[in-house]
Amino acid sequence: MFVFSDAKEKILFKRKNQVLKHLIEEVVLESQRLQVSDEELILMIKSEQSRREK
């Protein structure tokens, strides 16, 4: 069986765009319902990233 050398990267790129786009749409919609500002949402995301880096 022949597989292109960049197949994994293409699959990851496609999945990242599909999955993360959907998740972001849901988070943004819910943050609007909860009246969370864009700035606050960004801070929450950055805070979670920092927490996971430890």
PDB file of N, CA and C in Angstrom:
ATOM      1  N   MET A   1       0.844  -1.181   0.000  1.00  0.00           N
ATOM      2  CA  MET A   1       0.000   0.000   0.000  1.00  0.00           C
ATOM      3  C   MET A   1       0.888   1.243   0.000  1.00  0.00           C
ATOM      4  N   PHE A   2       0.512   2.238  -0.774  1.00  0.00           N
ATOM      5  CA  PHE A   2       1.281   3.474  -0.889  1.00  0.00           C
ATOM      6  C   PHE A   2       0.589   4.589  -0.114  1.00  0.00           C
ATOM      7  N   VAL A   3       1.372   5.262   0.732  1.00  0.00           N
ATOM      8  CA  VAL A   3       0.845   6.391   1.510  1.00  0.00           C
ATOM      9  C   VAL A   3       1.766   7.581   1.283  1.00  0.00           C
ATOM     10  N   PHE A   4       1.173   8.726   1.001  1.00  0.00           N
ATOM     11  CA  PHE A   4       1.980   9.925   0.804  1.00  0.00           C
ATOM     12  C   PHE A   4       2.696  10.297   2.092  1.00  0.00           C
ATOM     13  N   SER A   5       3.890  10.819   1.960  1.00  0.00           N
ATOM     14  CA  SER A   5       4.698  11.157   3.132  1.00  0.00           C
ATOM     15  C   SER A   5       4.060  12.244   3.996  1.00  0.00           C
ATOM     16  N   ASP A   6       3.242  13.077   3.406  1.00  0.00           N
ATOM     17  CA  ASP A   6       2.613  14.157   4.170  1.00  0.00           C
ATOM     18  C   ASP A   6       1.161  13.842   4.552  1.00  0.00           C
ATOM     19  N   ALA A   7       0.761  12.584   4.450  1.00  0.00           N
ATOM     20  CA  ALA A   7      -0.631  12.201   4.736  1.00  0.00           C
ATOM     21  C   ALA A   7      -1.024  12.517   6.173  1.00  0.00           C
ATOM     22  N   LYS A   8      -0.148  12.219   7.113  1.00  0.00           N
ATOM     23  CA  LYS A   8      -0.458  12.466   8.529  1.00  0.00           C
ATOM     24  C   LYS A   8      -0.691  13.955   8.773  1.00  0.00           C
ATOM     25  N   GLU A   9       0.162  14.793   8.220  1.00  0.00           N
ATOM     26  CA  GLU A   9       0.027  16.235   8.384  1.00  0.00           C
ATOM     27  C   GLU A   9      -1.281  16.738   7.774  1.00  0.00           C
ATOM     28  N   LYS A  10      -1.637  16.207   6.615  1.00  0.00           N
ATOM     29  CA  LYS A  10      -2.883  16.622   5.969  1.00  0.00           C
ATOM     30  C   LYS A  10      -4.098  16.230   6.799  1.00  0.00           C
ATOM     31  N   ILE A  11      -4.063  15.020   7.342  1.00  0.00           N
ATOM     32  CA  ILE A  11      -5.179  14.554   8.177  1.00  0.00           C
ATOM     33  C   ILE A  11      -5.284  15.401   9.436  1.00  0.00           C
ATOM     34  N   LEU A  12      -4.148  15.654  10.092  1.00  0.00           N
ATOM     35  CA  LEU A  12      -4.157  16.484  11.307  1.00  0.00           C
ATOM     36  C   LEU A  12      -4.648  17.893  11.011  1.00  0.00           C
ATOM     37  N   PHE A  13      -4.217  18.461   9.900  1.00  0.00           N
ATOM     38  CA  PHE A  13      -4.646  19.803   9.519  1.00  0.00           C
ATOM     39  C   PHE A  13      -6.157  19.857   9.307  1.00  0.00           C
ATOM     40  N   LYS A  14      -6.678  18.875   8.573  1.00  0.00           N
ATOM     41  CA  LYS A  14      -8.115  18.830   8.297  1.00  0.00           C
ATOM     42  C   LYS A  14      -8.910  18.639   9.590  1.00  0.00           C
ATOM     43  N   ARG A  15      -8.467  17.705  10.422  1.00  0.00           N
ATOM     44  CA  ARG A  15      -9.177  17.425  11.681  1.00  0.00           C
ATOM     45  C   ARG A  15      -9.116  18.629  12.611  1.00  0.00           C
ATOM     46  N   LYS A  16      -7.949  19.250  12.694  1.00  0.00           N
ATOM     47  CA  LYS A  16      -7.797  20.435  13.544  1.00  0.00           C
ATOM     48  C   LYS A  16      -8.761  21.529  13.110  1.00  0.00           C
ATOM     49  N   ASN A  17      -8.838  21.755  11.837  1.00  0.00           N
ATOM     50  CA  ASN A  17      -9.732  22.807  11.338  1.00  0.00           C
ATOM     51  C   ASN A  17     -11.196  22.471  11.595  1.00  0.00           C
ATOM     52  N   GLN A  18     -11.575  21.227  11.390  1.00  0.00           N
ATOM     53  CA  GLN A  18     -12.978  20.853  11.585  1.00  0.00           C
ATOM     54  C   GLN A  18     -13.357  20.849  13.064  1.00  0.00           C
ATOM     55  N   VAL A  19     -12.588  20.140  13.862  1.00  0.00           N
ATOM     56  CA  VAL A  19     -12.923  19.961  15.276  1.00  0.00           C
ATOM     57  C   VAL A  19     -12.797  21.269  16.043  1.00  0.00           C
ATOM     58  N   LEU A  20     -11.675  21.946  15.907  1.00  0.00           N
ATOM     59  CA  LEU A  20     -11.476  23.176  16.667  1.00  0.00           C
ATOM     60  C   LEU A  20     -12.432  24.271  16.219  1.00  0.00           C
ATOM     61  N   LYS A  21     -12.719  24.344  14.948  1.00  0.00           N
ATOM     62  CA  LYS A  21     -13.676  25.346  14.467  1.00  0.00           C
ATOM     63  C   LYS A  21     -15.029  25.139  15.134  1.00  0.00           C
ATOM     64  N   HIS A  22     -15.477  23.895  15.185  1.00  0.00           N
ATOM     65  CA  HIS A  22     -16.759  23.593  15.824  1.00  0.00           C
ATOM     66  C   HIS A  22     -16.722  23.933  17.320  1.00  0.00           C
ATOM     67  N   LEU A  23     -15.665  23.528  18.000  1.00  0.00           N
ATOM     68  CA  LEU A  23     -15.557  23.818  19.429  1.00  0.00           C
ATOM     69  C   LEU A  23     -15.528  25.316  19.706  1.00  0.00           C
ATOM     70  N   ILE A  24     -14.793  26.040  18.899  1.00  0.00           N
ATOM     71  CA  ILE A  24     -14.692  27.489  19.086  1.00  0.00           C
ATOM     72  C   ILE A  24     -16.047  28.150  18.852  1.00  0.00           C
ATOM     73  N   GLU A  25     -16.753  27.711  17.830  1.00  0.00           N
ATOM     74  CA  GLU A  25     -18.086  28.262  17.572  1.00  0.00           C
ATOM     75  C   GLU A  25     -18.998  28.061  18.786  1.00  0.00           C
ATOM     76  N   GLU A  26     -18.956  26.868  19.373  1.00  0.00           N
ATOM     77  CA  GLU A  26     -19.786  26.563  20.536  1.00  0.00           C
ATOM     78  C   GLU A  26     -19.383  27.392  21.752  1.00  0.00           C
ATOM     79  N   VAL A  27     -18.088  27.533  21.983  1.00  0.00           N
ATOM     80  CA  VAL A  27     -17.606  28.303  23.131  1.00  0.00           C
ATOM     81  C   VAL A  27     -17.964  29.777  22.977  1.00  0.00           C
ATOM     82  N   VAL A  28     -17.785  30.314  21.788  1.00  0.00           N
ATOM     83  CA  VAL A  28     -18.110  31.723  21.552  1.00  0.00           C
ATOM     84  C   VAL A  28     -19.607  31.961  21.729  1.00  0.00           C
ATOM     85  N   LEU A  29     -20.410  31.070  21.201  1.00  0.00           N
ATOM     86  CA  LEU A  29     -21.862  31.201  21.343  1.00  0.00           C
ATOM     87  C   LEU A  29     -22.263  31.162  22.813  1.00  0.00           C
ATOM     88  N   GLU A  30     -21.725  30.222  23.555  1.00  0.00           N
ATOM     89  CA  GLU A  30     -22.058  30.116  24.983  1.00  0.00           C
ATOM     90  C   GLU A  30     -21.536  31.318  25.769  1.00  0.00           C
ATOM     91  N   SER A  31     -20.368  31.801  25.424  1.00  0.00           N
ATOM     92  CA  SER A  31     -19.832  32.974  26.124  1.00  0.00           C
ATOM     93  C   SER A  31     -20.715  34.202  25.867  1.00  0.00           C
ATOM     94  N   GLN A  32     -21.281  34.303  24.677  1.00  0.00           N
ATOM     95  CA  GLN A  32     -22.208  35.405  24.392  1.00  0.00           C
ATOM     96  C   GLN A  32     -23.475  35.270  25.224  1.00  0.00           C
ATOM     97  N   ARG A  33     -23.981  34.054  25.346  1.00  0.00           N
ATOM     98  CA  ARG A  33     -25.168  33.823  26.169  1.00  0.00           C
ATOM     99  C   ARG A  33     -24.924  34.222  27.622  1.00  0.00           C
ATOM    100  N   LEU A  34     -23.701  33.966  28.078  1.00  0.00           N
ATOM    101  CA  LEU A  34     -23.331  34.259  29.460  1.00  0.00           C
ATOM    102  C   LEU A  34     -22.789  35.671  29.639  1.00  0.00           C
ATOM    103  N   GLN A  35     -22.784  36.424  28.570  1.00  0.00           N
ATOM    104  CA  GLN A  35     -22.295  37.806  28.569  1.00  0.00           C
ATOM    105  C   GLN A  35     -20.841  37.901  29.027  1.00  0.00           C
ATOM    106  N   VAL A  36     -20.042  36.982  28.523  1.00  0.00           N
ATOM    107  CA  VAL A  36     -18.604  37.003  28.778  1.00  0.00           C
ATOM    108  C   VAL A  36     -17.963  37.792  27.643  1.00  0.00           C
ATOM    109  N   SER A  37     -17.159  38.768  27.990  1.00  0.00           N
ATOM    110  CA  SER A  37     -16.520  39.583  26.951  1.00  0.00           C
ATOM    111  C   SER A  37     -15.450  38.769  26.223  1.00  0.00           C
ATOM    112  N   ASP A  38     -15.097  39.249  25.035  1.00  0.00           N
ATOM    113  CA  ASP A  38     -14.028  38.596  24.273  1.00  0.00           C
ATOM    114  C   ASP A  38     -12.731  38.569  25.069  1.00  0.00           C
ATOM    115  N   GLU A  39     -12.435  39.679  25.719  1.00  0.00           N
ATOM    116  CA  GLU A  39     -11.210  39.783  26.498  1.00  0.00           C
ATOM    117  C   GLU A  39     -11.193  38.767  27.647  1.00  0.00           C
ATOM    118  N   GLU A  40     -12.332  38.648  28.313  1.00  0.00           N
ATOM    119  CA  GLU A  40     -12.420  37.699  29.419  1.00  0.00           C
ATOM    120  C   GLU A  40     -12.278  36.258  28.908  1.00  0.00           C
ATOM    121  N   LEU A  41     -12.892  35.970  27.796  1.00  0.00           N
ATOM    122  CA  LEU A  41     -12.800  34.637  27.216  1.00  0.00           C
ATOM    123  C   LEU A  41     -11.357  34.314  26.838  1.00  0.00           C
ATOM    124  N   ILE A  42     -10.685  35.258  26.237  1.00  0.00           N
ATOM    125  CA  ILE A  42      -9.280  35.062  25.863  1.00  0.00           C
ATOM    126  C   ILE A  42      -8.424  34.834  27.105  1.00  0.00           C
ATOM    127  N   LEU A  43      -8.669  35.603  28.151  1.00  0.00           N
ATOM    128  CA  LEU A  43      -7.932  35.407  29.402  1.00  0.00           C
ATOM    129  C   LEU A  43      -8.193  34.024  29.990  1.00  0.00           C
ATOM    130  N   MET A  44      -9.416  33.561  29.900  1.00  0.00           N
ATOM    131  CA  MET A  44      -9.751  32.229  30.404  1.00  0.00           C
ATOM    132  C   MET A  44      -9.003  31.144  29.620  1.00  0.00           C
ATOM    133  N   ILE A  45      -8.931  31.311  28.329  1.00  0.00           N
ATOM    134  CA  ILE A  45      -8.214  30.342  27.487  1.00  0.00           C
ATOM    135  C   ILE A  45      -6.727  30.355  27.818  1.00  0.00           C
ATOM    136  N   LYS A  46      -6.153  31.541  27.913  1.00  0.00           N
ATOM    137  CA  LYS A  46      -4.725  31.655  28.238  1.00  0.00           C
ATOM    138  C   LYS A  46      -4.423  31.089  29.620  1.00  0.00           C
ATOM    139  N   SER A  47      -5.322  31.315  30.550  1.00  0.00           N
ATOM    140  CA  SER A  47      -5.148  30.790  31.900  1.00  0.00           C
ATOM    141  C   SER A  47      -5.129  29.261  31.880  1.00  0.00           C
ATOM    142  N   GLU A  48      -6.018  28.678  31.118  1.00  0.00           N
ATOM    143  CA  GLU A  48      -6.072  27.209  31.010  1.00  0.00           C
ATOM    144  C   GLU A  48      -4.818  26.674  30.346  1.00  0.00           C
ATOM    145  N   GLN A  49      -4.340  27.360  29.329  1.00  0.00           N
ATOM    146  CA  GLN A  49      -3.099  26.935  28.672  1.00  0.00           C
ATOM    147  C   GLN A  49      -1.945  26.978  29.661  1.00  0.00           C
ATOM    148  N   SER A  50      -1.844  28.031  30.432  1.00  0.00           N
ATOM    149  CA  SER A  50      -0.777  28.165  31.414  1.00  0.00           C
ATOM    150  C   SER A  50      -0.859  27.065  32.467  1.00  0.00           C
ATOM    151  N   ARG A  51      -2.063  26.784  32.897  1.00  0.00           N
ATOM    152  CA  ARG A  51      -2.268  25.754  33.918  1.00  0.00           C
ATOM    153  C   ARG A  51      -1.807  24.390  33.411  1.00  0.00           C
ATOM    154  N   ARG A  52      -2.056  24.102  32.154  1.00  0.00           N
ATOM    155  CA  ARG A  52      -1.690  22.810  31.575  1.00  0.00           C
ATOM    156  C   ARG A  52      -0.200  22.703  31.277  1.00  0.00           C
ATOM    157  N   GLU A  53       0.490  23.817  31.148  1.00  0.00           N
ATOM    158  CA  GLU A  53       1.929  23.805  30.871  1.00  0.00           C
ATOM    159  C   GLU A  53       2.752  23.448  32.096  1.00  0.00           C
ATOM    160  N   LYS A  54       2.143  23.512  33.258  1.00  0.00           N
ATOM    161  CA  LYS A  54       2.865  23.232  34.497  1.00  0.00           C
ATOM    162  C   LYS A  54       3.042  21.750  34.729  1.00  0.00           C
TER     163      LYS A  54
END
